[in-house]
Amino acid sequence: MTELFSIDNVIKVLTTFIPSFLVAVITIWIARKQFYSNKWWETKATKYSKLVESLPH
């Protein structure tokens, strides 16, 4: 059982999980940023459409 928690095994596990976790966090951050950017443009497009429709012909 002590071989399971040896320093070498712990280092191997950490060097696998830490980069994976960082990549996941960065991916979520980028996706969230893009989502909010798209939502902002949709909101602006809706407001501009309403503004143009409200103008007299």
Protein backbone atom coordinates (compact mmCIF):
# COMPACT_ATOMS: atom_id res chain seq x y z
CA MET A 1 0.00 0.00 0.00
CA THR A 2 2.91 2.37 0.56
CA GLU A 3 3.95 2.03 -3.09
CA LEU A 4 0.65 3.58 -4.14
CA PHE A 5 1.44 6.84 -2.34
CA SER A 6 5.12 7.05 -3.15
CA ILE A 7 6.56 10.40 -4.18
CA ASP A 8 7.05 9.21 -7.75
CA ASN A 9 3.41 8.19 -8.10
CA VAL A 10 2.17 11.42 -6.53
CA ILE A 11 4.33 13.47 -8.90
CA LYS A 12 3.05 11.49 -11.89
CA VAL A 13 -0.55 12.05 -10.85
CA LEU A 14 0.00 15.77 -10.24
CA THR A 15 1.80 16.29 -13.53
CA THR A 16 -1.19 14.69 -15.24
CA PHE A 17 -4.01 16.43 -13.40
CA ILE A 18 -2.64 19.96 -13.00
CA PRO A 19 -2.21 20.66 -16.74
CA SER A 20 -5.56 19.01 -17.47
CA PHE A 21 -7.25 21.19 -14.88
CA LEU A 22 -5.58 24.34 -16.23
CA VAL A 23 -6.65 23.52 -19.79
CA ALA A 24 -10.23 22.96 -18.61
CA VAL A 25 -10.28 26.27 -16.73
CA ILE A 26 -8.87 28.18 -19.71
CA THR A 27 -11.35 26.53 -22.07
CA ILE A 28 -14.28 27.43 -19.81
CA TRP A 29 -13.01 31.01 -19.50
CA ILE A 30 -12.71 31.41 -23.30
CA ALA A 31 -16.11 29.84 -23.94
CA ARG A 32 -17.75 32.04 -21.32
CA LYS A 33 -16.13 35.16 -22.76
CA GLN A 34 -17.33 34.25 -26.25
CA PHE A 35 -20.85 33.49 -24.98
CA TYR A 36 -21.19 36.87 -23.29
CA SER A 37 -19.75 38.62 -26.33
CA ASN A 38 -22.33 36.93 -28.58
CA LYS A 39 -25.14 37.79 -26.18
CA TRP A 40 -24.00 41.43 -26.15
CA TRP A 41 -24.12 41.59 -29.93
CA GLU A 42 -27.58 39.96 -29.98
CA THR A 43 -28.81 42.57 -27.51
CA LYS A 44 -27.36 45.41 -29.58
CA ALA A 45 -28.86 43.99 -32.79
CA THR A 46 -32.28 43.75 -31.16
CA LYS A 47 -32.11 47.32 -29.90
CA TYR A 48 -30.95 48.65 -33.29
CA SER A 49 -33.73 46.74 -35.05
CA LYS A 50 -36.33 48.24 -32.72
CA LEU A 51 -34.83 51.69 -33.23
CA VAL A 52 -34.91 51.40 -37.03
CA GLU A 53 -38.46 50.04 -36.97
CA SER A 54 -39.60 52.94 -34.81
CA LEU A 55 -38.33 55.53 -37.30
CA PRO A 56 -41.02 57.12 -39.46
CA HIS A 57 -41.08 55.94 -43.05
